Amino acid sequence: FDKNRATTAVLASSPANAALVTGSTFTSDGTGYGMEITGTAANMTFTNNTWSGYAGSDGSTGNEAVFVNIASGSMNITITGGSTPSIRTAGCVVTVVSGAVTAAVNVKTLAGANLQSARVHLKAAAGGGFPADVTVTSITNSGTTATVNHTAHTMATNDKVVIKGASLQANNGVFTITRINNDSYSYTMGSTPGSNPTGTIKSTFVVLDGDSDVNGNITMSRVFGTAQPVVGWVRFGGSPFYKPAALGGTVSTTLGYSANALMIPDV
């Protein structure tokens, strides 16, 4: 996209559609955006895109490389390869994550076919930069919002944690967090407990948690400042039945993580 003279070179109707533009070069003619993103705030990744001639820092000059024209919410823009764009936002809180690596698991049957809708859970183990079964100071509930006091948790908005050991079941499970500061974050529960939980409550950073797609894959991108040992499992709840598969290893700061889970029939 060379010196486009319109207000924006590429207009994307959602962050997901913006992420489809990969391996591209955007060169400014001195005014206008390389890309404008509309829709609803959601995490996304720019892969191998290069931005040149645009504003050198985030702002509102009208010549930022990317204009996130979304008024509310928060989102991470992860940069994998290429260069890091300057950002303008219409109000959405945008966090640019540079130097990210990908963690990925592919799930297959013994016959070699990709397995869709397998449940994948991969979490931090001891020895890395993220919490692994760490006891938190306390959790305060207000409606469906739980605020966790967790000293030096090292996590960011839209990271996932698994909470266990709380006396109130609504507080336990896997949740997406909103970072408040270095020592606290919040998450949304599925119901209103009505009081604060007690007990020995522990938090663990979650790398992957969800179902494999039609190609048997589940992925995420993030910066890992130190090598992160991980442990987890893959399960399939449908028919035919498969034995659970174990996951383990380390997320590299430069290479990320890639694993193949082979699901053996449970007969």
C-alpha atoms as a PDB file:
ATOM      1  CA  PHE A   1       0.000   0.000   0.000  1.00  0.00           C
ATOM      2  CA  ASP A   2       2.171   2.791  -1.365  1.00  0.00           C
ATOM      3  CA  LYS A   3       1.370   6.420  -0.542  1.00  0.00           C
ATOM      4  CA  ASN A   4      -2.377   5.995  -0.559  1.00  0.00           C
ATOM      5  CA  ARG A   5      -4.136   9.385  -0.748  1.00  0.00           C
ATOM      6  CA  ALA A   6      -7.422   8.435   0.902  1.00  0.00           C
ATOM      7  CA  THR A   7      -8.084   8.973   4.609  1.00  0.00           C
ATOM      8  CA  THR A   8      -7.105   5.353   5.181  1.00  0.00           C
ATOM      9  CA  ALA A   9      -5.496   2.781   2.937  1.00  0.00           C
ATOM     10  CA  VAL A  10      -7.360  -0.203   4.400  1.00  0.00           C
ATOM     11  CA  LEU A  11     -10.697  -0.076   6.241  1.00  0.00           C
ATOM     12  CA  ALA A  12     -11.281  -3.186   8.378  1.00  0.00           C
ATOM     13  CA  SER A  13     -14.768  -3.864   9.757  1.00  0.00           C
ATOM     14  CA  SER A  14     -13.404  -5.712  12.806  1.00  0.00           C
ATOM     15  CA  PRO A  15     -10.107  -6.529  14.539  1.00  0.00           C
ATOM     16  CA  ALA A  16     -10.446 -10.099  13.238  1.00  0.00           C
ATOM     17  CA  ASN A  17     -10.616  -8.828   9.648  1.00  0.00           C
ATOM     18  CA  ALA A  18      -7.690  -6.479  10.258  1.00  0.00           C
ATOM     19  CA  ALA A  19      -5.626  -9.486  11.364  1.00  0.00           C
ATOM     20  CA  LEU A  20      -6.193 -11.090   7.944  1.00  0.00           C
ATOM     21  CA  VAL A  21      -3.894  -8.483   6.368  1.00  0.00           C
ATOM     22  CA  THR A  22      -0.456 -10.088   6.676  1.00  0.00           C
ATOM     23  CA  GLY A  23       2.937  -9.761   5.043  1.00  0.00           C
ATOM     24  CA  SER A  24       2.125  -6.272   3.734  1.00  0.00           C
ATOM     25  CA  THR A  25       4.016  -2.994   3.442  1.00  0.00           C
ATOM     26  CA  PHE A  26       2.292   0.311   4.222  1.00  0.00           C
ATOM     27  CA  THR A  27       4.002   3.526   3.116  1.00  0.00           C
ATOM     28  CA  SER A  28       2.509   6.907   4.054  1.00  0.00           C
ATOM     29  CA  ASP A  29       2.301   9.904   1.710  1.00  0.00           C
ATOM     30  CA  GLY A  30       2.447  12.149   4.781  1.00  0.00           C
ATOM     31  CA  THR A  31      -1.192  12.100   5.812  1.00  0.00           C
ATOM     32  CA  GLY A  32      -3.889   9.520   6.511  1.00  0.00           C
ATOM     33  CA  TYR A  33      -3.829   6.106   8.174  1.00  0.00           C
ATOM     34  CA  GLY A  34      -2.440   2.869   6.898  1.00  0.00           C
ATOM     35  CA  MET A  35      -5.376   1.003   8.423  1.00  0.00           C
ATOM     36  CA  GLU A  36      -8.590   1.952  10.202  1.00  0.00           C
ATOM     37  CA  ILE A  37     -10.209  -0.676  12.424  1.00  0.00           C
ATOM     38  CA  THR A  38     -13.886  -0.493  13.364  1.00  0.00           C
ATOM     39  CA  GLY A  39     -16.340  -2.871  15.043  1.00  0.00           C
ATOM     40  CA  THR A  40     -15.998  -4.189  18.595  1.00  0.00           C
ATOM     41  CA  ALA A  41     -12.770  -4.278  20.611  1.00  0.00           C
ATOM     42  CA  ALA A  42     -11.049  -7.675  20.505  1.00  0.00           C
ATOM     43  CA  ASN A  43      -7.483  -8.949  20.697  1.00  0.00           C
ATOM     44  CA  MET A  44      -5.747  -9.319  17.360  1.00  0.00           C
ATOM     45  CA  THR A  45      -2.331  -9.922  15.795  1.00  0.00           C
ATOM     46  CA  PHE A  46      -0.466  -8.126  13.017  1.00  0.00           C
ATOM     47  CA  THR A  47       1.827 -10.601  11.253  1.00  0.00           C
ATOM     48  CA  ASN A  48       4.822  -9.462   9.175  1.00  0.00           C
ATOM     49  CA  ASN A  49       3.421  -6.028   8.308  1.00  0.00           C
ATOM     50  CA  THR A  50       5.766  -3.069   7.839  1.00  0.00           C
ATOM     51  CA  TRP A  51       4.747   0.574   8.403  1.00  0.00           C
ATOM     52  CA  SER A  52       6.874   3.504   7.197  1.00  0.00           C
ATOM     53  CA  GLY A  53       6.432   7.260   6.932  1.00  0.00           C
ATOM     54  CA  TYR A  54       3.663   7.429   9.525  1.00  0.00           C
ATOM     55  CA  ALA A  55       3.712   9.308  12.846  1.00  0.00           C
ATOM     56  CA  GLY A  56       6.565   8.040  14.958  1.00  0.00           C
ATOM     57  CA  SER A  57       4.522   7.784  18.150  1.00  0.00           C
ATOM     58  CA  ASP A  58       0.952   7.215  19.265  1.00  0.00           C
ATOM     59  CA  GLY A  59      -1.277  10.270  19.108  1.00  0.00           C
ATOM     60  CA  SER A  60      -4.007  12.019  17.126  1.00  0.00           C
ATOM     61  CA  THR A  61      -2.229  13.728  14.212  1.00  0.00           C
ATOM     62  CA  GLY A  62      -4.223  11.866  11.565  1.00  0.00           C
ATOM     63  CA  ASN A  63      -1.090  10.212  10.240  1.00  0.00           C
ATOM     64  CA  GLU A  64      -0.800   7.320  12.689  1.00  0.00           C
ATOM     65  CA  ALA A  65      -0.199   3.957  11.056  1.00  0.00           C
ATOM     66  CA  VAL A  66      -3.324   2.433  12.623  1.00  0.00           C
ATOM     67  CA  PHE A  67      -6.524   4.168  13.708  1.00  0.00           C
ATOM     68  CA  VAL A  68      -8.562   2.035  16.120  1.00  0.00           C
ATOM     69  CA  ASN A  69     -11.900   3.730  15.506  1.00  0.00           C
ATOM     70  CA  ILE A  70     -13.599   1.996  18.433  1.00  0.00           C
ATOM     71  CA  ALA A  71     -14.896   4.122  21.276  1.00  0.00           C
ATOM     72  CA  SER A  72     -14.931   1.675  24.192  1.00  0.00           C
ATOM     73  CA  GLY A  73     -13.495  -1.545  25.560  1.00  0.00           C
ATOM     74  CA  SER A  74      -9.893  -2.717  25.538  1.00  0.00           C
ATOM     75  CA  MET A  75      -7.806  -4.809  23.181  1.00  0.00           C
ATOM     76  CA  ASN A  76      -4.283  -6.052  22.633  1.00  0.00           C
ATOM     77  CA  ILE A  77      -2.601  -5.642  19.256  1.00  0.00           C
ATOM     78  CA  THR A  78       0.163  -8.227  19.125  1.00  0.00           C
ATOM     79  CA  ILE A  79       3.028  -7.640  16.690  1.00  0.00           C
ATOM     80  CA  THR A  80       4.636 -10.721  15.149  1.00  0.00           C
ATOM     81  CA  GLY A  81       7.349  -9.836  12.649  1.00  0.00           C
ATOM     82  CA  GLY A  82       7.476  -6.634  10.606  1.00  0.00           C
ATOM     83  CA  SER A  83       7.492  -3.311  12.446  1.00  0.00           C
ATOM     84  CA  THR A  84       5.430  -1.771  15.230  1.00  0.00           C
ATOM     85  CA  PRO A  85       2.795   0.756  14.060  1.00  0.00           C
ATOM     86  CA  SER A  86       1.890   4.011  15.775  1.00  0.00           C
ATOM     87  CA  ILE A  87      -1.691   3.966  17.075  1.00  0.00           C
ATOM     88  CA  ARG A  88      -4.570   6.415  17.294  1.00  0.00           C
ATOM     89  CA  THR A  89      -7.667   5.361  19.225  1.00  0.00           C
ATOM     90  CA  ALA A  90     -11.200   6.738  19.431  1.00  0.00           C
ATOM     91  CA  GLY A  91     -11.408   5.756  23.097  1.00  0.00           C
ATOM     92  CA  CYS A  92     -10.737   2.035  23.237  1.00  0.00           C
ATOM     93  CA  VAL A  93      -7.758   1.162  25.457  1.00  0.00           C
ATOM     94  CA  VAL A  94      -5.180  -0.330  23.099  1.00  0.00           C
ATOM     95  CA  THR A  95      -2.118  -2.219  24.334  1.00  0.00           C
ATOM     96  CA  VAL A  96       0.545  -2.983  21.736  1.00  0.00           C
ATOM     97  CA  VAL A  97       2.384  -6.208  22.472  1.00  0.00           C
ATOM     98  CA  SER A  98       5.677  -6.413  20.563  1.00  0.00           C
ATOM     99  CA  GLY A  99       8.051  -9.350  20.428  1.00  0.00           C
ATOM    100  CA  ALA A 100       5.294 -11.885  20.921  1.00  0.00           C
ATOM    101  CA  VAL A 101       5.632 -15.588  20.247  1.00  0.00           C
ATOM    102  CA  THR A 102       2.938 -18.135  19.485  1.00  0.00           C
ATOM    103  CA  ALA A 103       1.855 -21.035  21.671  1.00  0.00           C
ATOM    104  CA  ALA A 104      -0.016 -23.672  19.698  1.00  0.00           C
ATOM    105  CA  VAL A 105      -1.411 -27.166  20.137  1.00  0.00           C
ATOM    106  CA  ASN A 106      -2.632 -29.393  17.316  1.00  0.00           C
ATOM    107  CA  VAL A 107      -4.959 -32.266  18.189  1.00  0.00           C
ATOM    108  CA  LYS A 108      -5.114 -35.377  16.003  1.00  0.00           C
ATOM    109  CA  THR A 109      -6.653 -38.819  16.098  1.00  0.00           C
ATOM    110  CA  LEU A 110      -4.485 -41.937  15.969  1.00  0.00           C
ATOM    111  CA  ALA A 111      -5.381 -42.139  12.275  1.00  0.00           C
ATOM    112  CA  GLY A 112      -3.892 -38.698  11.693  1.00  0.00           C
ATOM    113  CA  ALA A 113      -7.119 -36.721  11.250  1.00  0.00           C
ATOM    114  CA  ASN A 114      -7.448 -33.299  12.855  1.00  0.00           C
ATOM    115  CA  LEU A 115      -9.849 -33.403  15.806  1.00  0.00           C
ATOM    116  CA  GLN A 116     -12.219 -30.484  16.273  1.00  0.00           C
ATOM    117  CA  SER A 117     -13.801 -29.476  19.614  1.00  0.00           C
ATOM    118  CA  ALA A 118     -11.201 -31.160  21.798  1.00  0.00           C
ATOM    119  CA  ARG A 119     -10.786 -29.304  25.094  1.00  0.00           C
ATOM    120  CA  VAL A 120      -7.231 -27.983  25.576  1.00  0.00           C
ATOM    121  CA  HIS A 121      -5.902 -26.619  28.864  1.00  0.00           C
ATOM    122  CA  LEU A 122      -2.273 -25.502  29.155  1.00  0.00           C
ATOM    123  CA  LYS A 123      -1.116 -23.572  32.217  1.00  0.00           C
ATOM    124  CA  ALA A 124       2.043 -22.265  33.865  1.00  0.00           C
ATOM    125  CA  ALA A 125       4.190 -24.616  35.913  1.00  0.00           C
ATOM    126  CA  ALA A 126       6.761 -23.531  38.502  1.00  0.00           C
ATOM    127  CA  GLY A 127       9.990 -21.940  37.333  1.00  0.00           C
ATOM    128  CA  GLY A 128       8.849 -19.198  34.941  1.00  0.00           C
ATOM    129  CA  GLY A 129       7.808 -15.571  35.092  1.00  0.00           C
ATOM    130  CA  PHE A 130       4.080 -16.162  35.521  1.00  0.00           C
ATOM    131  CA  PRO A 131       2.202 -17.339  38.632  1.00  0.00           C
ATOM    132  CA  ALA A 132       1.887 -21.092  39.010  1.00  0.00           C
ATOM    133  CA  ASP A 133      -0.332 -22.180  41.891  1.00  0.00           C
ATOM    134  CA  VAL A 134       0.426 -18.980  43.817  1.00  0.00           C
ATOM    135  CA  THR A 135      -1.623 -18.099  46.900  1.00  0.00           C
ATOM    136  CA  VAL A 136      -3.345 -14.722  46.514  1.00  0.00           C
ATOM    137  CA  THR A 137      -3.860 -12.288  49.392  1.00  0.00           C
ATOM    138  CA  SER A 138      -7.623 -11.970  49.022  1.00  0.00           C
ATOM    139  CA  ILE A 139     -10.565 -11.674  46.639  1.00  0.00           C
ATOM    140  CA  THR A 140     -13.285  -9.051  47.036  1.00  0.00           C
ATOM    141  CA  ASN A 141     -16.605  -9.609  45.261  1.00  0.00           C
ATOM    142  CA  SER A 142     -18.935  -6.849  44.071  1.00  0.00           C
ATOM    143  CA  GLY A 143     -21.846  -8.162  42.047  1.00  0.00           C
ATOM    144  CA  THR A 144     -20.289 -10.410  39.414  1.00  0.00           C
ATOM    145  CA  THR A 145     -16.893  -8.652  39.576  1.00  0.00           C
ATOM    146  CA  ALA A 146     -14.127 -10.274  41.595  1.00  0.00           C
ATOM    147  CA  THR A 147     -11.075  -8.171  42.454  1.00  0.00           C
ATOM    148  CA  VAL A 148      -7.959 -10.162  43.287  1.00  0.00           C
ATOM    149  CA  ASN A 149      -5.153  -8.845  45.492  1.00  0.00           C
ATOM    150  CA  HIS A 150      -2.158 -10.683  44.062  1.00  0.00           C
ATOM    151  CA  THR A 151       1.274  -9.144  44.647  1.00  0.00           C
ATOM    152  CA  ALA A 152       3.513  -8.797  41.550  1.00  0.00           C
ATOM    153  CA  HIS A 153       1.267 -10.983  39.419  1.00  0.00           C
ATOM    154  CA  THR A 154       3.063  -9.997  36.126  1.00  0.00           C
ATOM    155  CA  MET A 155      -0.095 -10.475  34.036  1.00  0.00           C
ATOM    156  CA  ALA A 156      -1.902  -8.176  31.595  1.00  0.00           C
ATOM    157  CA  THR A 157      -5.457  -7.397  30.573  1.00  0.00           C
ATOM    158  CA  ASN A 158      -6.998 -10.262  28.572  1.00  0.00           C
ATOM    159  CA  ASP A 159      -4.658 -12.866  30.056  1.00  0.00           C
ATOM    160  CA  LYS A 160      -6.374 -15.894  31.540  1.00  0.00           C
ATOM    161  CA  VAL A 161      -6.034 -17.377  35.024  1.00  0.00           C
ATOM    162  CA  VAL A 162      -7.371 -20.429  36.770  1.00  0.00           C
ATOM    163  CA  ILE A 163      -8.604 -19.670  40.295  1.00  0.00           C
ATOM    164  CA  LYS A 164      -9.086 -22.523  42.757  1.00  0.00           C
ATOM    165  CA  GLY A 165      -9.566 -23.014  46.482  1.00  0.00           C
ATOM    166  CA  ALA A 166     -12.116 -20.230  47.019  1.00  0.00           C
ATOM    167  CA  SER A 167     -14.932 -21.066  49.429  1.00  0.00           C
ATOM    168  CA  LEU A 168     -17.489 -19.661  46.951  1.00  0.00           C
ATOM    169  CA  GLN A 169     -17.787 -21.736  43.803  1.00  0.00           C
ATOM    170  CA  ALA A 170     -18.533 -18.725  41.600  1.00  0.00           C
ATOM    171  CA  ASN A 171     -14.966 -17.524  42.206  1.00  0.00           C
ATOM    172  CA  ASN A 172     -13.369 -20.752  40.990  1.00  0.00           C
ATOM    173  CA  GLY A 173     -12.636 -21.547  37.344  1.00  0.00           C
ATOM    174  CA  VAL A 174     -10.821 -20.137  34.333  1.00  0.00           C
ATOM    175  CA  PHE A 175     -11.312 -16.405  33.799  1.00  0.00           C
ATOM    176  CA  THR A 176     -10.101 -13.618  31.529  1.00  0.00           C
ATOM    177  CA  ILE A 177      -8.665 -10.817  33.648  1.00  0.00           C
ATOM    178  CA  THR A 178      -8.512  -7.038  33.549  1.00  0.00           C
ATOM    179  CA  ARG A 179      -5.246  -5.714  34.990  1.00  0.00           C
ATOM    180  CA  ILE A 180      -5.753  -2.987  37.585  1.00  0.00           C
ATOM    181  CA  ASN A 181      -2.125  -2.522  38.639  1.00  0.00           C
ATOM    182  CA  ASN A 182       0.978  -4.590  39.426  1.00  0.00           C
ATOM    183  CA  ASP A 183      -0.677  -6.094  42.481  1.00  0.00           C
ATOM    184  CA  SER A 184      -4.311  -6.584  41.485  1.00  0.00           C
ATOM    185  CA  TYR A 185      -6.660  -7.597  38.688  1.00  0.00           C
ATOM    186  CA  SER A 186     -10.343  -8.355  38.277  1.00  0.00           C
ATOM    187  CA  TYR A 187     -12.505 -10.878  36.469  1.00  0.00           C
ATOM    188  CA  THR A 188     -16.199 -11.440  35.829  1.00  0.00           C
ATOM    189  CA  MET A 189     -18.014 -14.384  37.414  1.00  0.00           C
ATOM    190  CA  GLY A 190     -21.008 -16.181  35.998  1.00  0.00           C
ATOM    191  CA  SER A 191     -23.170 -15.413  39.028  1.00  0.00           C
ATOM    192  CA  THR A 192     -23.291 -13.109  42.065  1.00  0.00           C
ATOM    193  CA  PRO A 193     -21.916 -14.821  45.198  1.00  0.00           C
ATOM    194  CA  GLY A 194     -23.133 -12.117  47.573  1.00  0.00           C
ATOM    195  CA  SER A 195     -20.069 -12.195  49.844  1.00  0.00           C
ATOM    196  CA  ASN A 196     -16.282 -12.521  49.724  1.00  0.00           C
ATOM    197  CA  PRO A 197     -14.586 -15.925  49.495  1.00  0.00           C
ATOM    198  CA  THR A 198     -12.307 -17.369  52.129  1.00  0.00           C
ATOM    199  CA  GLY A 199      -9.868 -20.265  52.064  1.00  0.00           C
ATOM    200  CA  THR A 200      -6.430 -20.800  50.560  1.00  0.00           C
ATOM    201  CA  ILE A 201      -7.066 -19.299  47.137  1.00  0.00           C
ATOM    202  CA  LYS A 202      -4.536 -19.947  44.396  1.00  0.00           C
ATOM    203  CA  SER A 203      -4.005 -18.432  40.960  1.00  0.00           C
ATOM    204  CA  THR A 204      -2.228 -19.847  37.915  1.00  0.00           C
ATOM    205  CA  PHE A 205      -1.541 -18.158  34.576  1.00  0.00           C
ATOM    206  CA  VAL A 206      -3.235 -19.972  31.684  1.00  0.00           C
ATOM    207  CA  VAL A 207      -1.547 -20.154  28.284  1.00  0.00           C
ATOM    208  CA  LEU A 208      -4.326 -21.962  26.396  1.00  0.00           C
ATOM    209  CA  ASP A 209      -7.862 -22.840  27.408  1.00  0.00           C
ATOM    210  CA  GLY A 210     -10.531 -23.653  24.870  1.00  0.00           C
ATOM    211  CA  ASP A 211     -11.607 -25.977  22.074  1.00  0.00           C
ATOM    212  CA  SER A 212      -9.584 -26.968  19.026  1.00  0.00           C
ATOM    213  CA  ASP A 213     -10.845 -25.559  15.725  1.00  0.00           C
ATOM    214  CA  VAL A 214     -11.817 -27.381  12.521  1.00  0.00           C
ATOM    215  CA  ASN A 215      -8.101 -27.916  11.797  1.00  0.00           C
ATOM    216  CA  GLY A 216      -7.467 -29.305  15.273  1.00  0.00           C
ATOM    217  CA  ASN A 217      -5.618 -26.170  16.374  1.00  0.00           C
ATOM    218  CA  ILE A 218      -5.730 -23.760  19.285  1.00  0.00           C
ATOM    219  CA  THR A 219      -3.249 -20.875  19.472  1.00  0.00           C
ATOM    220  CA  MET A 220      -2.382 -17.685  21.321  1.00  0.00           C
ATOM    221  CA  SER A 221       0.287 -14.985  20.956  1.00  0.00           C
ATOM    222  CA  ARG A 222       2.036 -13.166  23.766  1.00  0.00           C
ATOM    223  CA  VAL A 223       5.371 -11.834  24.940  1.00  0.00           C
ATOM    224  CA  PHE A 224       7.138 -14.208  27.334  1.00  0.00           C
ATOM    225  CA  GLY A 225       9.939 -12.348  29.112  1.00  0.00           C
ATOM    226  CA  THR A 226      11.407 -15.568  30.498  1.00  0.00           C
ATOM    227  CA  ALA A 227      11.103 -19.195  29.488  1.00  0.00           C
ATOM    228  CA  GLN A 228       7.862 -20.528  30.957  1.00  0.00           C
ATOM    229  CA  PRO A 229       7.438 -24.207  31.914  1.00  0.00           C
ATOM    230  CA  VAL A 230       3.912 -25.421  31.204  1.00  0.00           C
ATOM    231  CA  VAL A 231       1.718 -28.410  31.942  1.00  0.00           C
ATOM    232  CA  GLY A 232      -1.737 -29.375  30.772  1.00  0.00           C
ATOM    233  CA  TRP A 233      -4.037 -31.813  29.052  1.00  0.00           C
ATOM    234  CA  VAL A 234      -6.326 -32.430  26.099  1.00  0.00           C
ATOM    235  CA  ARG A 235      -9.734 -34.088  26.544  1.00  0.00           C
ATOM    236  CA  PHE A 236     -12.578 -34.923  24.197  1.00  0.00           C
ATOM    237  CA  GLY A 237     -16.103 -35.259  25.534  1.00  0.00           C
ATOM    238  CA  GLY A 238     -17.911 -36.507  22.442  1.00  0.00           C
ATOM    239  CA  SER A 239     -18.234 -39.821  20.690  1.00  0.00           C
ATOM    240  CA  PRO A 240     -16.144 -41.750  19.793  1.00  0.00           C
ATOM    241  CA  PHE A 241     -14.314 -41.667  23.115  1.00  0.00           C
ATOM    242  CA  TYR A 242     -10.616 -40.868  23.507  1.00  0.00           C
ATOM    243  CA  LYS A 243      -8.199 -41.123  26.405  1.00  0.00           C
ATOM    244  CA  PRO A 244      -6.931 -37.793  27.780  1.00  0.00           C
ATOM    245  CA  ALA A 245      -3.555 -36.670  26.414  1.00  0.00           C
ATOM    246  CA  ALA A 246      -0.938 -34.956  28.581  1.00  0.00           C
ATOM    247  CA  LEU A 247       0.857 -31.738  27.601  1.00  0.00           C
ATOM    248  CA  GLY A 248       4.106 -30.339  28.933  1.00  0.00           C
ATOM    249  CA  GLY A 249       7.303 -28.535  28.031  1.00  0.00           C
ATOM    250  CA  THR A 250       8.420 -24.911  27.977  1.00  0.00           C
ATOM    251  CA  VAL A 251       7.313 -21.777  26.153  1.00  0.00           C
ATOM    252  CA  SER A 252      10.477 -20.266  24.659  1.00  0.00           C
ATOM    253  CA  THR A 253      10.945 -16.497  24.679  1.00  0.00           C
ATOM    254  CA  THR A 254      11.935 -16.635  20.992  1.00  0.00           C
ATOM    255  CA  LEU A 255      10.385 -19.810  19.581  1.00  0.00           C
ATOM    256  CA  GLY A 256       7.146 -20.020  21.539  1.00  0.00           C
ATOM    257  CA  TYR A 257       5.533 -23.403  22.053  1.00  0.00           C
ATOM    258  CA  SER A 258       4.226 -26.060  19.687  1.00  0.00           C
ATOM    259  CA  ALA A 259       2.832 -29.453  20.626  1.00  0.00           C
ATOM    260  CA  ASN A 260       0.926 -32.239  18.944  1.00  0.00           C
ATOM    261  CA  ALA A 261      -1.648 -34.110  21.011  1.00  0.00           C
ATOM    262  CA  LEU A 262      -2.399 -37.618  19.742  1.00  0.00           C
ATOM    263  CA  MET A 263      -5.778 -38.838  20.932  1.00  0.00           C
ATOM    264  CA  ILE A 264      -5.926 -42.610  21.466  1.00  0.00           C
ATOM    265  CA  PRO A 265      -9.347 -44.328  21.301  1.00  0.00           C
ATOM    266  CA  ASP A 266     -10.690 -45.346  24.711  1.00  0.00           C
ATOM    267  CA  VAL A 267     -12.012 -48.830  24.005  1.00  0.00           C
END
